[in-house]
Protein backbone atom coordinates (compact mmCIF):
# COMPACT_ATOMS: atom_id res chain seq x y z
CA MET A 1 44.22 7.10 60.50
CA ALA A 2 41.10 9.12 61.07
CA ALA A 3 38.09 7.60 62.70
CA LYS A 4 35.40 6.71 60.29
CA PRO A 5 32.23 8.78 60.78
CA PRO A 6 29.15 6.77 61.93
CA PRO A 7 26.78 6.13 59.13
CA SER A 8 24.35 9.10 58.38
CA LYS A 9 20.51 8.17 59.53
CA GLU A 10 17.54 9.72 58.19
CA ALA A 11 14.02 9.78 59.37
CA VAL A 12 10.89 10.21 57.32
CA ALA A 13 7.59 10.24 58.20
CA ILE A 14 4.82 9.46 55.36
CA VAL A 15 1.49 11.26 55.84
CA TRP A 16 -0.88 9.66 53.32
CA ASP A 17 -4.15 11.38 52.62
CA MET A 18 -7.04 9.08 52.70
CA GLY A 19 -9.79 11.64 53.09
CA LYS A 20 -12.85 12.71 51.27
CA HIS A 21 -10.91 14.37 48.19
CA MET A 22 -8.85 11.13 47.81
CA GLN A 23 -12.24 9.22 48.04
CA GLY A 24 -13.61 11.27 45.32
CA ILE A 25 -10.72 10.73 43.08
CA ALA A 26 -10.48 7.18 43.87
CA GLU A 27 -14.20 6.72 42.72
CA ILE A 28 -13.45 8.51 39.71
CA ASP A 29 -10.47 6.32 38.69
CA GLY A 30 -11.54 2.81 40.25
CA GLY A 31 -9.05 3.31 43.06
CA GLN A 32 -6.19 3.44 40.79
CA THR A 33 -4.61 6.52 42.55
CA MET A 34 -4.70 4.83 45.85
CA GLU A 35 -2.93 1.74 44.50
CA GLU A 36 -0.29 4.11 42.99
CA CYS A 37 0.25 5.86 46.29
CA ARG A 38 0.28 2.59 48.07
CA ALA A 39 2.98 0.93 45.48
CA ALA A 40 5.18 4.13 45.78
CA ILE A 41 5.11 4.16 49.74
CA ALA A 42 5.91 0.22 49.47
CA GLU A 43 8.55 0.80 46.93
CA PHE A 44 10.08 3.49 49.20
CA MET A 45 10.24 1.56 52.43
CA LEU A 46 11.34 -1.71 50.40
CA LYS A 47 14.62 0.49 49.14
CA LYS A 48 15.33 1.74 52.76
CA ILE A 49 15.13 -1.78 53.98
CA GLN A 50 17.44 -3.09 51.29
CA TYR A 51 19.67 0.10 50.93
CA SER A 52 19.55 2.27 53.74
CA HIS A 53 19.63 0.15 56.71
CA GLN A 54 19.80 2.95 59.15
CA ASP A 55 17.19 5.07 58.07
CA GLU A 56 13.80 4.84 59.94
CA VAL A 57 10.34 5.42 58.36
CA GLY A 58 6.89 6.26 59.82
CA LEU A 59 3.51 6.15 58.38
CA VAL A 60 0.60 8.18 59.29
CA VAL A 61 -2.81 7.91 57.37
CA GLY A 62 -5.32 10.78 57.39
CA GLY A 63 -8.89 10.37 56.52
CA THR A 64 -9.45 7.21 57.98
CA GLU A 65 -12.80 5.99 59.61
CA GLY A 66 -11.33 5.60 63.10
CA THR A 67 -8.74 7.50 64.95
CA HIS A 68 -5.63 5.96 66.67
CA ASN A 69 -2.98 8.33 67.65
CA GLN A 70 -1.42 10.01 70.60
CA LEU A 71 -2.35 13.48 70.28
CA ALA A 72 -6.24 12.47 70.11
CA VAL A 73 -5.75 10.79 73.45
CA GLN A 74 -4.00 13.67 74.74
CA TYR A 75 -6.48 16.24 73.28
CA PRO A 76 -9.98 14.76 73.22
CA GLY A 77 -11.77 16.03 70.01
CA GLU A 78 -8.82 17.00 68.22
CA TYR A 79 -6.70 15.23 65.69
CA GLN A 80 -9.60 13.01 64.60
CA HIS A 81 -9.60 10.50 61.71
CA ILE A 82 -5.96 10.27 61.88
CA THR A 83 -4.10 7.01 62.41
CA CYS A 84 -0.66 6.29 63.17
CA VAL A 85 -0.24 3.04 61.29
CA LEU A 86 3.96 2.85 61.56
CA PRO A 87 5.72 4.63 64.36
CA ILE A 88 9.10 5.92 63.49
CA GLY A 89 11.65 3.09 63.15
CA LYS A 90 13.41 0.87 60.97
CA PRO A 91 10.94 -0.64 58.16
CA SER A 92 10.74 -4.45 57.93
CA PRO A 93 9.24 -6.45 55.40
CA ASP A 94 6.19 -7.33 57.63
CA ASP A 95 5.64 -3.30 57.72
CA VAL A 96 5.19 -3.39 53.76
CA LYS A 97 2.91 -6.28 54.07
CA LYS A 98 0.70 -4.41 56.48
CA LEU A 99 0.64 -1.41 54.18
CA LYS A 100 -0.77 -3.68 51.42
CA THR A 101 -3.74 -4.39 53.70
CA CYS A 102 -4.61 -0.74 53.91
CA SER A 103 -8.02 -0.45 52.11
CA SER A 104 -9.33 2.80 50.63
CA ARG A 105 -11.40 3.41 53.67
CA PRO A 106 -8.94 2.02 56.18
CA ARG A 107 -9.43 0.26 59.39
CA ILE A 108 -6.02 -0.32 59.58
CA VAL A 109 -4.29 -2.81 61.92
CA ARG A 110 -1.42 -0.99 63.40
CA ARG A 111 1.08 -0.70 66.09
CA SER A 112 0.64 2.01 68.73
CA CYS A 113 2.56 5.31 68.16
CA HIS A 114 3.63 6.78 71.44
CA THR A 115 5.07 9.98 70.38
CA SER A 116 3.16 13.10 70.79
CA SER A 117 5.23 15.30 68.45
CA VAL A 118 7.77 14.49 65.98
CA ARG A 119 10.94 16.32 66.69
CA VAL A 120 14.36 14.95 65.32
CA SER A 121 15.88 15.41 68.75
CA SER A 122 13.37 13.15 70.24
CA LEU A 123 13.54 10.33 67.70
CA PRO A 124 14.64 6.97 69.28
CA ARG A 125 18.13 6.13 68.27
CA THR A 126 17.75 2.21 68.84
CA GLY A 127 15.47 1.91 65.70
CA THR A 128 13.25 -0.45 67.70
CA ARG A 129 9.35 0.04 67.64
CA ARG A 130 7.14 -0.18 70.49
CA SER A 131 4.18 -2.65 70.21
CA THR A 132 0.97 -3.12 71.96
């Protein structure tokens, strides 16, 4: 009998724009668009938790008041107002809870992202996330 192939694994980086353009839309619609984005990302993550146990998800938010990403450290003055909320890893219910705390002008509580670039070949195979 042939060996069963290992389950497939997908890594997805979600990039959420919370910049000035989105802020303008939020002012017009009372934040409904931002809430719809948050709900869609949360639903996506919950489905990955429930149905795709091998898959990994990361979340990067652009347009934040602060800057928290490794590229900004490596290249001072560059990659500003970008926050790595969740590094690529297996999503957890706690990650979904953190997503719900993102405001329309986020000062997000996040874990450190230690990757300087996202290449499929460099993604961690263990599915563990680094924390600080």
